[in-house]
Amino acid sequence: MHAVKRIFMSRVCEITGKRVMFGNNVSKSINKTRRRFDINLIKKRFYIPEEDKWIALKIKASVLKTINKKGISAVIKEAKAQGIL
């Protein structure tokens, strides 16, 4: 029997650039097997009044809280300054 290769869509935050991390499941007997630490991604649409358009972003839940606090325009401006967006 051959192993089935799983295909994942890109799990990357479009504002911060954070990605999936990898680590180990560690059992009581200290056996280690590889695992994924997925990020909490949300696909969300935002309205940008300055450009009078909607954009769809895949972002982390923590970035959504930041957008609610600072506003979408400020967060996008910071991401462009850092060269991420």
N, C-alpha and C. Protein backbone atom coordinates (compact mmCIF):
# COMPACT_ATOMS: atom_id res chain seq x y z
N MET A 1 0.84 -1.18 0.00
CA MET A 1 0.00 0.00 0.00
C MET A 1 0.89 1.24 0.00
N HIS A 2 0.58 2.22 -0.84
CA HIS A 2 1.40 3.42 -0.91
C HIS A 2 0.74 4.56 -0.13
N ALA A 3 1.56 5.45 0.34
CA ALA A 3 1.08 6.57 1.15
C ALA A 3 0.39 7.60 0.26
N VAL A 4 -0.66 8.18 0.77
CA VAL A 4 -1.39 9.22 0.05
C VAL A 4 -0.81 10.57 0.46
N LYS A 5 -0.36 11.33 -0.52
CA LYS A 5 0.21 12.64 -0.23
C LYS A 5 -0.93 13.66 -0.14
N ARG A 6 -1.00 14.37 0.99
CA ARG A 6 -2.04 15.37 1.17
C ARG A 6 -1.57 16.69 0.58
N ILE A 7 -2.48 17.38 -0.09
CA ILE A 7 -2.17 18.68 -0.69
C ILE A 7 -2.89 19.75 0.11
N PHE A 8 -2.15 20.73 0.60
CA PHE A 8 -2.72 21.81 1.39
C PHE A 8 -2.65 23.10 0.59
N MET A 9 -3.67 23.91 0.72
CA MET A 9 -3.59 25.24 0.15
C MET A 9 -2.66 26.06 1.03
N SER A 10 -2.17 27.12 0.50
CA SER A 10 -1.22 27.95 1.22
C SER A 10 -1.86 28.51 2.48
N ARG A 11 -1.29 28.19 3.64
CA ARG A 11 -1.80 28.66 4.92
C ARG A 11 -0.89 29.77 5.43
N VAL A 12 -0.98 30.93 4.78
CA VAL A 12 -0.12 32.07 5.10
C VAL A 12 -0.99 33.29 5.32
N CYS A 13 -0.72 34.03 6.38
CA CYS A 13 -1.42 35.29 6.63
C CYS A 13 -0.91 36.34 5.65
N GLU A 14 -1.82 37.01 4.95
CA GLU A 14 -1.42 37.97 3.91
C GLU A 14 -0.96 39.30 4.49
N ILE A 15 -1.21 39.56 5.77
CA ILE A 15 -0.77 40.81 6.39
C ILE A 15 0.56 40.62 7.12
N THR A 16 0.68 39.56 7.94
CA THR A 16 1.89 39.37 8.74
C THR A 16 2.90 38.44 8.08
N GLY A 17 2.45 37.57 7.16
CA GLY A 17 3.35 36.61 6.53
C GLY A 17 3.60 35.38 7.37
N LYS A 18 2.88 35.21 8.48
CA LYS A 18 3.07 34.04 9.34
C LYS A 18 2.62 32.78 8.61
N ARG A 19 3.34 31.68 8.85
CA ARG A 19 3.07 30.42 8.17
C ARG A 19 2.81 29.31 9.19
N VAL A 20 2.54 28.12 8.65
CA VAL A 20 2.38 26.93 9.47
C VAL A 20 3.73 26.57 10.08
N MET A 21 3.71 26.11 11.34
CA MET A 21 4.94 25.62 11.96
C MET A 21 4.85 24.11 12.10
N PHE A 22 6.00 23.45 12.20
CA PHE A 22 6.05 22.01 12.37
C PHE A 22 6.74 21.68 13.67
N GLY A 23 6.34 20.58 14.27
CA GLY A 23 6.94 20.16 15.53
C GLY A 23 6.71 18.68 15.74
N ASN A 24 6.72 18.26 16.98
CA ASN A 24 6.55 16.85 17.31
C ASN A 24 5.39 16.64 18.25
N ASN A 25 4.65 15.52 18.03
CA ASN A 25 3.79 14.98 19.08
C ASN A 25 4.72 14.15 19.95
N VAL A 26 4.69 14.33 21.25
CA VAL A 26 5.56 13.59 22.15
C VAL A 26 4.68 12.76 23.08
N SER A 27 4.83 11.45 23.02
CA SER A 27 4.02 10.55 23.83
C SER A 27 4.62 10.42 25.23
N LYS A 28 3.90 9.70 26.07
CA LYS A 28 4.38 9.49 27.45
C LYS A 28 5.70 8.73 27.45
N SER A 29 5.88 7.86 26.46
CA SER A 29 7.13 7.10 26.37
C SER A 29 8.18 7.85 25.53
N ILE A 30 7.93 9.14 25.29
CA ILE A 30 8.83 10.05 24.59
C ILE A 30 9.09 9.62 23.14
N ASN A 31 8.11 8.95 22.52
CA ASN A 31 8.19 8.72 21.08
C ASN A 31 7.77 10.00 20.39
N LYS A 32 8.47 10.35 19.34
CA LYS A 32 8.19 11.61 18.65
C LYS A 32 7.70 11.34 17.24
N THR A 33 6.59 11.98 16.87
CA THR A 33 6.08 11.92 15.51
C THR A 33 5.80 13.34 15.06
N ARG A 34 6.01 13.59 13.78
CA ARG A 34 5.87 14.96 13.26
C ARG A 34 4.41 15.40 13.23
N ARG A 35 4.19 16.68 13.44
CA ARG A 35 2.85 17.26 13.38
C ARG A 35 2.93 18.68 12.86
N ARG A 36 1.76 19.25 12.53
CA ARG A 36 1.67 20.63 12.04
C ARG A 36 1.00 21.49 13.09
N PHE A 37 1.47 22.72 13.23
CA PHE A 37 0.78 23.73 14.03
C PHE A 37 0.20 24.73 13.04
N ASP A 38 -1.09 24.55 12.70
CA ASP A 38 -1.74 25.45 11.75
C ASP A 38 -2.06 26.78 12.41
N ILE A 39 -2.07 27.85 11.61
CA ILE A 39 -2.46 29.15 12.14
C ILE A 39 -3.96 29.31 11.97
N ASN A 40 -4.55 30.17 12.76
CA ASN A 40 -6.00 30.38 12.77
C ASN A 40 -6.36 31.38 11.68
N LEU A 41 -6.52 30.88 10.44
CA LEU A 41 -6.78 31.75 9.30
C LEU A 41 -8.27 32.00 9.10
N ILE A 42 -8.58 33.21 8.68
CA ILE A 42 -9.95 33.61 8.38
C ILE A 42 -9.91 34.30 7.02
N LYS A 43 -10.85 33.95 6.14
CA LYS A 43 -10.97 34.65 4.86
C LYS A 43 -12.04 35.72 5.05
N LYS A 44 -11.67 36.98 4.84
CA LYS A 44 -12.56 38.10 5.17
C LYS A 44 -12.46 39.18 4.10
N ARG A 45 -13.59 39.82 3.81
CA ARG A 45 -13.62 40.94 2.87
C ARG A 45 -13.64 42.24 3.66
N PHE A 46 -12.87 43.22 3.17
CA PHE A 46 -12.81 44.53 3.81
C PHE A 46 -13.09 45.61 2.77
N TYR A 47 -13.76 46.65 3.20
CA TYR A 47 -14.03 47.80 2.33
C TYR A 47 -13.00 48.88 2.64
N ILE A 48 -12.32 49.37 1.60
CA ILE A 48 -11.34 50.45 1.76
C ILE A 48 -11.96 51.72 1.19
N PRO A 49 -12.37 52.65 2.07
CA PRO A 49 -13.07 53.85 1.58
C PRO A 49 -12.19 54.78 0.74
N GLU A 50 -10.88 54.83 1.01
CA GLU A 50 -9.98 55.71 0.25
C GLU A 50 -9.93 55.31 -1.22
N GLU A 51 -9.94 53.99 -1.49
CA GLU A 51 -9.86 53.49 -2.85
C GLU A 51 -11.24 53.11 -3.39
N ASP A 52 -12.26 53.18 -2.55
CA ASP A 52 -13.64 52.85 -2.92
C ASP A 52 -13.74 51.46 -3.54
N LYS A 53 -13.15 50.46 -2.83
CA LYS A 53 -13.23 49.09 -3.33
C LYS A 53 -13.17 48.10 -2.17
N TRP A 54 -13.58 46.87 -2.47
CA TRP A 54 -13.52 45.76 -1.53
C TRP A 54 -12.29 44.91 -1.84
N ILE A 55 -11.64 44.38 -0.78
CA ILE A 55 -10.56 43.42 -0.97
C ILE A 55 -10.83 42.21 -0.08
N ALA A 56 -10.41 41.05 -0.55
CA ALA A 56 -10.54 39.82 0.23
C ALA A 56 -9.14 39.42 0.70
N LEU A 57 -9.01 39.16 1.99
CA LEU A 57 -7.72 38.78 2.57
C LEU A 57 -7.86 37.51 3.40
N LYS A 58 -6.81 36.69 3.40
CA LYS A 58 -6.71 35.58 4.34
C LYS A 58 -5.81 36.06 5.46
N ILE A 59 -6.38 36.22 6.65
CA ILE A 59 -5.62 36.78 7.77
C ILE A 59 -5.79 35.92 9.02
N LYS A 60 -4.88 36.10 9.98
CA LYS A 60 -4.98 35.44 11.27
C LYS A 60 -6.06 36.12 12.09
N ALA A 61 -6.62 35.40 13.06
CA ALA A 61 -7.65 35.96 13.93
C ALA A 61 -7.09 37.11 14.75
N SER A 62 -5.81 37.04 15.13
CA SER A 62 -5.21 38.12 15.90
C SER A 62 -5.06 39.39 15.07
N VAL A 63 -4.85 39.24 13.76
CA VAL A 63 -4.77 40.40 12.87
C VAL A 63 -6.15 41.03 12.71
N LEU A 64 -7.19 40.22 12.72
CA LEU A 64 -8.56 40.74 12.65
C LEU A 64 -8.84 41.65 13.85
N LYS A 65 -8.35 41.25 15.02
CA LYS A 65 -8.50 42.10 16.21
C LYS A 65 -7.73 43.41 16.05
N THR A 66 -6.55 43.34 15.44
CA THR A 66 -5.74 44.53 15.19
C THR A 66 -6.44 45.46 14.21
N ILE A 67 -7.07 44.88 13.17
CA ILE A 67 -7.80 45.68 12.19
C ILE A 67 -8.99 46.37 12.84
N ASN A 68 -9.68 45.67 13.75
CA ASN A 68 -10.80 46.28 14.46
C ASN A 68 -10.34 47.44 15.32
N LYS A 69 -9.11 47.37 15.82
CA LYS A 69 -8.58 48.42 16.69
C LYS A 69 -8.04 49.60 15.89
N LYS A 70 -7.18 49.33 14.90
CA LYS A 70 -6.49 50.40 14.17
C LYS A 70 -7.21 50.85 12.91
N GLY A 71 -7.96 49.93 12.28
CA GLY A 71 -8.60 50.22 11.00
C GLY A 71 -7.84 49.55 9.87
N ILE A 72 -8.55 49.18 8.82
CA ILE A 72 -7.95 48.43 7.71
C ILE A 72 -6.91 49.26 6.95
N SER A 73 -7.17 50.55 6.81
CA SER A 73 -6.24 51.40 6.05
C SER A 73 -4.88 51.48 6.73
N ALA A 74 -4.87 51.64 8.06
CA ALA A 74 -3.62 51.74 8.80
C ALA A 74 -2.84 50.43 8.76
N VAL A 75 -3.54 49.30 8.87
CA VAL A 75 -2.88 48.00 8.87
C VAL A 75 -2.27 47.71 7.49
N ILE A 76 -3.00 48.02 6.42
CA ILE A 76 -2.48 47.81 5.07
C ILE A 76 -1.28 48.72 4.82
N LYS A 77 -1.34 49.95 5.31
CA LYS A 77 -0.23 50.89 5.15
C LYS A 77 1.03 50.37 5.84
N GLU A 78 0.88 49.81 7.06
CA GLU A 78 2.02 49.24 7.78
C GLU A 78 2.59 48.02 7.05
N ALA A 79 1.70 47.17 6.51
CA ALA A 79 2.15 45.98 5.79
C ALA A 79 2.92 46.36 4.52
N LYS A 80 2.47 47.39 3.83
CA LYS A 80 3.19 47.84 2.63
C LYS A 80 4.53 48.44 2.99
N ALA A 81 4.61 49.14 4.13
CA ALA A 81 5.87 49.73 4.58
C ALA A 81 6.88 48.64 4.92
N GLN A 82 6.40 47.50 5.46
CA GLN A 82 7.28 46.39 5.80
C GLN A 82 7.59 45.51 4.59
N GLY A 83 6.90 45.74 3.48
CA GLY A 83 7.15 45.00 2.25
C GLY A 83 6.45 43.64 2.21
N ILE A 84 5.48 43.42 3.06
CA ILE A 84 4.76 42.15 3.08
C ILE A 84 3.63 42.14 2.08
N LEU A 85 2.92 43.24 1.97
CA LEU A 85 1.75 43.32 1.08
C LEU A 85 2.08 44.08 -0.19
